[in-house]
Amino acid sequence: MSQICVKCTSDPASYSFKKVSDKNGVTTFYTNPVKAKIYKDHEEIVAHFDHTLERLGGRKWIWIFDGDGFDTDYVMELNAGKNLANIIEKYANSLQEIKIINPSIHVKVIIKVVLPFFNNTIVSKVKMLDDRTHSILEFI
C-alpha cells in the first residue's frame, strides 16, 4: 500500500473512517457507515482502512463504530464487512478496543453473528455501549 487514497484526500467523508484523536500514544478512529458517501465500493473501502492503519506503523489504535441509522441497506454489504474483519485481524496486535456506540438492532444482530468467528483476544476488545445515546465528543 504505497499510495494515499485519492478519494480520501479530495473528500475525507468518502468512507467515514477518520482519525479523531491522538492521545497518549493511542490513535482513535471514528466510523459511521450512514455518513459515508461511499459504502458500496468494497475494495476501496477495505484498501482505505488498510492503508490508514498501516500508516500507524504498529502504534496502538481504538475504533469507535457509530451504529446510528445503520439499517438493512448497510447489512447487505456483507463483502465489505467480511473484508473489514480481516483488516481487524491483521492489525489486532495494536488494536486496543472497538467501541460500538448507538447500535441499531441491525448492528446488534451482526455483532452477535460475527463475534464467534474472532479469537477471544479480539472479542474481549469489543465493547457495545448501548446504555444511552453517545456522542463521538465523549471519546476524543
N, C-alpha and C. Protein backbone atom coordinates (compact mmCIF):
# COMPACT_ATOMS: atom_id res chain seq x y z
N MET A 1 0.84 -1.18 0.00
CA MET A 1 0.00 0.00 0.00
C MET A 1 0.88 1.24 0.00
N SER A 2 1.23 1.69 -1.13
CA SER A 2 2.14 2.82 -1.17
C SER A 2 1.46 4.13 -1.53
N GLN A 3 0.25 4.07 -2.06
CA GLN A 3 -0.40 5.31 -2.47
C GLN A 3 -1.44 5.73 -1.44
N ILE A 4 -1.61 7.04 -1.33
CA ILE A 4 -2.66 7.58 -0.48
C ILE A 4 -3.95 7.57 -1.29
N CYS A 5 -5.03 7.22 -0.65
CA CYS A 5 -6.33 7.14 -1.31
C CYS A 5 -6.71 8.52 -1.87
N VAL A 6 -6.93 8.58 -3.17
CA VAL A 6 -7.27 9.84 -3.83
C VAL A 6 -8.62 10.37 -3.35
N LYS A 7 -9.59 9.49 -3.18
CA LYS A 7 -10.91 9.92 -2.74
C LYS A 7 -10.87 10.52 -1.34
N CYS A 8 -10.05 9.92 -0.47
CA CYS A 8 -9.95 10.43 0.91
C CYS A 8 -9.28 11.80 0.94
N THR A 9 -8.29 11.96 0.11
CA THR A 9 -7.58 13.23 0.09
C THR A 9 -8.47 14.34 -0.42
N SER A 10 -9.26 14.04 -1.45
CA SER A 10 -10.13 15.06 -2.01
C SER A 10 -11.42 15.24 -1.20
N ASP A 11 -11.90 14.18 -0.55
CA ASP A 11 -13.12 14.25 0.24
C ASP A 11 -13.03 13.27 1.41
N PRO A 12 -12.59 13.74 2.57
CA PRO A 12 -12.38 12.86 3.72
C PRO A 12 -13.63 12.12 4.19
N ALA A 13 -14.82 12.56 3.80
CA ALA A 13 -16.06 11.90 4.22
C ALA A 13 -16.41 10.71 3.34
N SER A 14 -15.56 10.41 2.36
CA SER A 14 -15.87 9.34 1.41
C SER A 14 -16.18 8.02 2.10
N TYR A 15 -15.36 7.61 3.07
CA TYR A 15 -15.53 6.31 3.69
C TYR A 15 -15.90 6.35 5.16
N SER A 16 -15.89 7.50 5.77
CA SER A 16 -16.22 7.65 7.19
C SER A 16 -15.36 6.76 8.07
N PHE A 17 -14.08 6.75 7.83
CA PHE A 17 -13.11 6.15 8.75
C PHE A 17 -12.04 7.20 8.91
N LYS A 18 -12.19 7.98 9.97
CA LYS A 18 -11.28 9.11 10.11
C LYS A 18 -10.69 9.18 11.51
N LYS A 19 -9.47 9.68 11.55
CA LYS A 19 -8.78 9.86 12.82
C LYS A 19 -9.43 11.03 13.54
N VAL A 20 -9.81 10.80 14.81
CA VAL A 20 -10.43 11.87 15.59
C VAL A 20 -9.58 12.32 16.76
N SER A 21 -8.59 11.51 17.14
CA SER A 21 -7.68 11.96 18.20
C SER A 21 -6.41 11.12 18.23
N ASP A 22 -5.41 11.71 18.83
CA ASP A 22 -4.11 11.09 19.09
C ASP A 22 -3.75 11.47 20.52
N LYS A 23 -3.96 10.56 21.47
CA LYS A 23 -3.67 10.87 22.87
C LYS A 23 -2.88 9.73 23.50
N ASN A 24 -1.85 10.10 24.21
CA ASN A 24 -1.05 9.12 24.97
C ASN A 24 -0.61 7.94 24.12
N GLY A 25 -0.24 8.21 22.88
CA GLY A 25 0.27 7.16 22.01
C GLY A 25 -0.80 6.26 21.41
N VAL A 26 -2.07 6.64 21.56
CA VAL A 26 -3.18 5.86 21.01
C VAL A 26 -3.97 6.74 20.04
N THR A 27 -4.15 6.23 18.83
CA THR A 27 -4.92 6.94 17.81
C THR A 27 -6.33 6.39 17.80
N THR A 28 -7.30 7.29 17.81
CA THR A 28 -8.71 6.90 17.79
C THR A 28 -9.31 7.25 16.44
N PHE A 29 -10.00 6.25 15.87
CA PHE A 29 -10.69 6.42 14.59
C PHE A 29 -12.19 6.32 14.83
N TYR A 30 -12.94 7.00 13.98
CA TYR A 30 -14.40 7.02 14.07
C TYR A 30 -15.01 6.63 12.74
N THR A 31 -16.05 5.80 12.82
CA THR A 31 -16.79 5.38 11.64
C THR A 31 -18.28 5.45 11.91
N ASN A 32 -19.00 6.02 10.98
CA ASN A 32 -20.45 5.87 10.94
C ASN A 32 -20.79 5.61 9.49
N PRO A 33 -21.07 4.35 9.13
CA PRO A 33 -21.32 3.99 7.73
C PRO A 33 -22.43 4.82 7.07
N VAL A 34 -23.40 5.25 7.86
CA VAL A 34 -24.50 6.04 7.31
C VAL A 34 -24.01 7.39 6.79
N LYS A 35 -22.95 7.90 7.40
CA LYS A 35 -22.42 9.20 6.99
C LYS A 35 -21.39 9.10 5.86
N ALA A 36 -21.03 7.89 5.50
CA ALA A 36 -20.06 7.69 4.42
C ALA A 36 -20.72 7.98 3.08
N LYS A 37 -20.03 8.69 2.24
CA LYS A 37 -20.54 8.95 0.89
C LYS A 37 -20.42 7.71 0.02
N ILE A 38 -19.42 6.89 0.32
CA ILE A 38 -19.20 5.67 -0.45
C ILE A 38 -19.27 4.50 0.51
N TYR A 39 -20.25 3.61 0.33
CA TYR A 39 -20.29 2.43 1.18
C TYR A 39 -20.49 1.14 0.38
N LYS A 40 -20.51 1.25 -0.94
CA LYS A 40 -20.68 0.05 -1.76
C LYS A 40 -19.43 -0.35 -2.53
N ASP A 41 -18.40 0.44 -2.45
CA ASP A 41 -17.16 0.14 -3.15
C ASP A 41 -16.24 -0.64 -2.21
N HIS A 42 -16.52 -1.94 -2.06
CA HIS A 42 -15.87 -2.77 -1.06
C HIS A 42 -14.36 -2.74 -1.11
N GLU A 43 -13.81 -2.90 -2.29
CA GLU A 43 -12.35 -2.97 -2.41
C GLU A 43 -11.69 -1.67 -1.97
N GLU A 44 -12.25 -0.54 -2.36
CA GLU A 44 -11.65 0.74 -1.98
C GLU A 44 -11.85 1.04 -0.50
N ILE A 45 -12.98 0.65 0.05
CA ILE A 45 -13.22 0.85 1.49
C ILE A 45 -12.17 0.08 2.29
N VAL A 46 -12.00 -1.17 1.95
CA VAL A 46 -11.04 -2.01 2.67
C VAL A 46 -9.62 -1.50 2.46
N ALA A 47 -9.30 -1.10 1.25
CA ALA A 47 -7.97 -0.55 0.98
C ALA A 47 -7.73 0.71 1.80
N HIS A 48 -8.75 1.54 1.94
CA HIS A 48 -8.62 2.77 2.75
C HIS A 48 -8.34 2.42 4.22
N PHE A 49 -9.11 1.51 4.80
CA PHE A 49 -8.89 1.10 6.18
C PHE A 49 -7.47 0.54 6.34
N ASP A 50 -7.10 -0.34 5.43
CA ASP A 50 -5.79 -0.99 5.50
C ASP A 50 -4.67 0.04 5.42
N HIS A 51 -4.76 0.93 4.44
CA HIS A 51 -3.72 1.95 4.26
C HIS A 51 -3.63 2.87 5.49
N THR A 52 -4.78 3.27 6.00
CA THR A 52 -4.80 4.16 7.16
C THR A 52 -4.16 3.50 8.37
N LEU A 53 -4.48 2.24 8.61
CA LEU A 53 -3.91 1.53 9.77
C LEU A 53 -2.44 1.18 9.55
N GLU A 54 -2.07 0.90 8.31
CA GLU A 54 -0.67 0.61 8.00
C GLU A 54 0.20 1.83 8.32
N ARG A 55 -0.32 3.01 8.04
CA ARG A 55 0.44 4.25 8.28
C ARG A 55 0.69 4.49 9.77
N LEU A 56 -0.04 3.80 10.64
CA LEU A 56 0.22 3.93 12.08
C LEU A 56 1.54 3.28 12.47
N GLY A 57 2.04 2.38 11.65
CA GLY A 57 3.31 1.74 11.93
C GLY A 57 3.32 0.90 13.19
N GLY A 58 2.19 0.28 13.51
CA GLY A 58 2.13 -0.59 14.68
C GLY A 58 1.74 0.12 15.97
N ARG A 59 1.52 1.43 15.91
CA ARG A 59 1.09 2.15 17.11
C ARG A 59 -0.33 1.71 17.50
N LYS A 60 -0.67 1.90 18.76
CA LYS A 60 -1.96 1.50 19.29
C LYS A 60 -3.10 2.32 18.68
N TRP A 61 -4.26 1.65 18.54
CA TRP A 61 -5.41 2.34 17.99
C TRP A 61 -6.71 1.84 18.60
N ILE A 62 -7.70 2.71 18.56
CA ILE A 62 -9.06 2.41 19.01
C ILE A 62 -9.99 2.74 17.86
N TRP A 63 -11.02 1.94 17.71
CA TRP A 63 -12.01 2.19 16.67
C TRP A 63 -13.37 2.40 17.32
N ILE A 64 -13.96 3.55 17.07
CA ILE A 64 -15.32 3.83 17.52
C ILE A 64 -16.24 3.68 16.32
N PHE A 65 -17.14 2.72 16.42
CA PHE A 65 -18.10 2.44 15.36
C PHE A 65 -19.46 2.93 15.82
N ASP A 66 -20.00 3.92 15.11
CA ASP A 66 -21.28 4.52 15.45
C ASP A 66 -22.37 3.87 14.59
N GLY A 67 -23.28 3.15 15.22
CA GLY A 67 -24.33 2.44 14.50
C GLY A 67 -25.60 3.24 14.30
N ASP A 68 -25.56 4.53 14.63
CA ASP A 68 -26.75 5.36 14.48
C ASP A 68 -27.22 5.39 13.03
N GLY A 69 -28.44 4.95 12.78
CA GLY A 69 -29.01 4.96 11.44
C GLY A 69 -28.68 3.74 10.59
N PHE A 70 -27.89 2.83 11.11
CA PHE A 70 -27.47 1.64 10.37
C PHE A 70 -28.68 0.74 10.17
N ASP A 71 -29.06 0.49 8.91
CA ASP A 71 -30.24 -0.32 8.64
C ASP A 71 -29.96 -1.38 7.58
N THR A 72 -30.99 -1.93 7.00
CA THR A 72 -30.83 -3.06 6.07
C THR A 72 -30.00 -2.72 4.84
N ASP A 73 -29.98 -1.47 4.41
CA ASP A 73 -29.14 -1.10 3.26
C ASP A 73 -27.68 -1.45 3.52
N TYR A 74 -27.25 -1.27 4.75
CA TYR A 74 -25.85 -1.50 5.10
C TYR A 74 -25.59 -2.96 5.47
N VAL A 75 -26.60 -3.62 5.99
CA VAL A 75 -26.46 -5.03 6.34
C VAL A 75 -26.13 -5.84 5.09
N MET A 76 -26.67 -5.45 3.97
CA MET A 76 -26.49 -6.19 2.73
C MET A 76 -25.07 -6.08 2.17
N GLU A 77 -24.25 -5.21 2.70
CA GLU A 77 -22.89 -5.04 2.23
C GLU A 77 -21.96 -6.03 2.94
N LEU A 78 -22.25 -7.30 2.79
CA LEU A 78 -21.53 -8.35 3.50
C LEU A 78 -20.06 -8.46 3.10
N ASN A 79 -19.75 -8.24 1.84
CA ASN A 79 -18.35 -8.34 1.41
C ASN A 79 -17.47 -7.33 2.14
N ALA A 80 -17.95 -6.13 2.26
CA ALA A 80 -17.17 -5.11 2.96
C ALA A 80 -16.97 -5.52 4.41
N GLY A 81 -18.02 -6.00 5.05
CA GLY A 81 -17.92 -6.43 6.45
C GLY A 81 -16.95 -7.57 6.64
N LYS A 82 -17.01 -8.55 5.76
CA LYS A 82 -16.11 -9.70 5.85
C LYS A 82 -14.65 -9.25 5.67
N ASN A 83 -14.42 -8.40 4.71
CA ASN A 83 -13.06 -7.93 4.46
C ASN A 83 -12.56 -7.01 5.57
N LEU A 84 -13.45 -6.22 6.17
CA LEU A 84 -13.04 -5.39 7.30
C LEU A 84 -12.68 -6.26 8.50
N ALA A 85 -13.36 -7.38 8.65
CA ALA A 85 -12.99 -8.33 9.72
C ALA A 85 -11.56 -8.81 9.53
N ASN A 86 -11.17 -9.04 8.29
CA ASN A 86 -9.78 -9.45 8.00
C ASN A 86 -8.80 -8.35 8.36
N ILE A 87 -9.18 -7.10 8.12
CA ILE A 87 -8.32 -5.96 8.47
C ILE A 87 -8.17 -5.87 9.99
N ILE A 88 -9.27 -6.08 10.71
CA ILE A 88 -9.19 -6.05 12.17
C ILE A 88 -8.21 -7.11 12.66
N GLU A 89 -8.29 -8.29 12.10
CA GLU A 89 -7.36 -9.35 12.49
C GLU A 89 -5.92 -8.99 12.14
N LYS A 90 -5.74 -8.38 10.99
CA LYS A 90 -4.39 -8.01 10.55
C LYS A 90 -3.73 -7.03 11.53
N TYR A 91 -4.51 -6.11 12.08
CA TYR A 91 -3.96 -5.08 12.97
C TYR A 91 -4.37 -5.31 14.42
N ALA A 92 -4.74 -6.53 14.77
CA ALA A 92 -5.25 -6.86 16.11
C ALA A 92 -4.21 -6.63 17.21
N ASN A 93 -2.94 -6.83 16.91
CA ASN A 93 -1.92 -6.67 17.95
C ASN A 93 -1.85 -5.25 18.49
N SER A 94 -2.12 -4.28 17.64
CA SER A 94 -2.07 -2.89 18.09
C SER A 94 -3.45 -2.33 18.43
N LEU A 95 -4.50 -3.08 18.13
CA LEU A 95 -5.86 -2.67 18.45
C LEU A 95 -6.07 -2.71 19.96
N GLN A 96 -6.51 -1.62 20.52
CA GLN A 96 -6.78 -1.55 21.95
C GLN A 96 -8.23 -1.86 22.27
N GLU A 97 -9.14 -1.35 21.42
CA GLU A 97 -10.55 -1.51 21.71
C GLU A 97 -11.39 -1.11 20.50
N ILE A 98 -12.54 -1.76 20.38
CA ILE A 98 -13.56 -1.34 19.42
C ILE A 98 -14.78 -0.98 20.26
N LYS A 99 -15.14 0.29 20.21
CA LYS A 99 -16.32 0.75 20.95
C LYS A 99 -17.45 0.91 19.94
N ILE A 100 -18.54 0.21 20.19
CA ILE A 100 -19.70 0.32 19.32
C ILE A 100 -20.71 1.19 20.05
N ILE A 101 -20.96 2.38 19.49
CA ILE A 101 -21.88 3.32 20.12
C ILE A 101 -23.16 3.42 19.28
N ASN A 102 -24.25 3.71 19.95
CA ASN A 102 -25.55 3.90 19.30
C ASN A 102 -25.91 2.74 18.37
N PRO A 103 -25.76 1.50 18.83
CA PRO A 103 -26.02 0.38 17.93
C PRO A 103 -27.51 0.22 17.61
N SER A 104 -27.81 0.13 16.33
CA SER A 104 -29.17 -0.19 15.91
C SER A 104 -29.38 -1.68 16.13
N ILE A 105 -30.60 -2.14 15.99
CA ILE A 105 -30.87 -3.56 16.13
C ILE A 105 -30.09 -4.35 15.08
N HIS A 106 -29.90 -3.77 13.90
CA HIS A 106 -29.13 -4.43 12.84
C HIS A 106 -27.68 -4.64 13.25
N VAL A 107 -27.10 -3.62 13.88
CA VAL A 107 -25.71 -3.73 14.35
C VAL A 107 -25.61 -4.80 15.42
N LYS A 108 -26.55 -4.82 16.35
CA LYS A 108 -26.52 -5.81 17.43
C LYS A 108 -26.58 -7.24 16.87
N VAL A 109 -27.43 -7.45 15.88
CA VAL A 109 -27.54 -8.78 15.27
C VAL A 109 -26.24 -9.16 14.57
N ILE A 110 -25.68 -8.24 13.80
CA ILE A 110 -24.43 -8.52 13.08
C ILE A 110 -23.32 -8.87 14.07
N ILE A 111 -23.22 -8.12 15.13
CA ILE A 111 -22.17 -8.37 16.13
C ILE A 111 -22.35 -9.76 16.74
N LYS A 112 -23.57 -10.14 17.06
CA LYS A 112 -23.82 -11.48 17.62
C LYS A 112 -23.43 -12.58 16.65
N VAL A 113 -23.65 -12.34 15.37
CA VAL A 113 -23.33 -13.34 14.35
C VAL A 113 -21.83 -13.41 14.09
N VAL A 114 -21.16 -12.27 14.08
CA VAL A 114 -19.76 -12.19 13.66
C VAL A 114 -18.76 -12.50 14.78
N LEU A 115 -19.04 -12.09 15.99
CA LEU A 115 -18.07 -12.25 17.08
C LEU A 115 -17.57 -13.67 17.27
N PRO A 116 -18.41 -14.69 17.16
CA PRO A 116 -17.89 -16.06 17.35
C PRO A 116 -16.78 -16.47 16.38
N PHE A 117 -16.65 -15.75 15.27
CA PHE A 117 -15.61 -16.08 14.30
C PHE A 117 -14.26 -15.44 14.62
N PHE A 118 -14.23 -14.53 15.57
CA PHE A 118 -12.99 -13.89 16.00
C PHE A 118 -12.39 -14.67 17.17
N ASN A 119 -11.08 -14.50 17.35
CA ASN A 119 -10.45 -15.14 18.51
C ASN A 119 -10.83 -14.37 19.78
N ASN A 120 -10.61 -15.00 20.93
CA ASN A 120 -11.02 -14.43 22.21
C ASN A 120 -10.36 -13.08 22.50
N THR A 121 -9.14 -12.90 22.02
CA THR A 121 -8.45 -11.63 22.25
C THR A 121 -9.19 -10.48 21.59
N ILE A 122 -9.60 -10.67 20.35
CA ILE A 122 -10.35 -9.61 19.66
C ILE A 122 -11.72 -9.44 20.30
N VAL A 123 -12.40 -10.52 20.60
CA VAL A 123 -13.73 -10.44 21.20
C VAL A 123 -13.69 -9.64 22.50
N SER A 124 -12.64 -9.82 23.29
CA SER A 124 -12.53 -9.10 24.56
C SER A 124 -12.33 -7.59 24.36
N LYS A 125 -11.94 -7.19 23.17
CA LYS A 125 -11.71 -5.77 22.89
C LYS A 125 -12.96 -5.05 22.37
N VAL A 126 -14.02 -5.80 22.10
CA VAL A 126 -15.25 -5.21 21.56
C VAL A 126 -16.17 -4.84 22.72
N LYS A 127 -16.52 -3.56 22.79
CA LYS A 127 -17.39 -3.05 23.84
C LYS A 127 -18.62 -2.42 23.20
N MET A 128 -19.79 -2.99 23.50
CA MET A 128 -21.05 -2.46 22.99
C MET A 128 -21.60 -1.48 24.03
N LEU A 129 -21.68 -0.22 23.64
CA LEU A 129 -22.18 0.81 24.55
C LEU A 129 -23.61 1.16 24.12
N ASP A 130 -24.56 0.42 24.70
CA ASP A 130 -25.95 0.62 24.29
C ASP A 130 -26.84 1.09 25.44
N ASP A 131 -26.21 1.65 26.46
CA ASP A 131 -26.96 2.10 27.63
C ASP A 131 -27.67 3.44 27.42
N ARG A 132 -27.19 4.21 26.45
CA ARG A 132 -27.76 5.53 26.15
C ARG A 132 -27.18 6.01 24.83
N THR A 133 -27.64 7.14 24.36
CA THR A 133 -27.08 7.72 23.14
C THR A 133 -25.72 8.34 23.47
N HIS A 134 -24.74 8.03 22.65
CA HIS A 134 -23.38 8.54 22.86
C HIS A 134 -22.98 9.49 21.74
N SER A 135 -22.11 10.41 22.05
CA SER A 135 -21.54 11.33 21.08
C SER A 135 -20.05 11.02 20.91
N ILE A 136 -19.55 11.19 19.73
CA ILE A 136 -18.12 10.98 19.49
C ILE A 136 -17.29 11.92 20.38
N LEU A 137 -17.83 13.06 20.72
CA LEU A 137 -17.10 14.04 21.54
C LEU A 137 -16.72 13.48 22.91
N GLU A 138 -17.43 12.47 23.37
CA GLU A 138 -17.10 11.85 24.67
C GLU A 138 -15.78 11.10 24.64
N PHE A 139 -15.32 10.74 23.46
CA PHE A 139 -14.19 9.84 23.34
C PHE A 139 -12.93 10.49 22.77
N ILE A 140 -12.98 11.77 22.49
CA ILE A 140 -11.79 12.41 21.91
C ILE A 140 -11.20 13.42 22.85
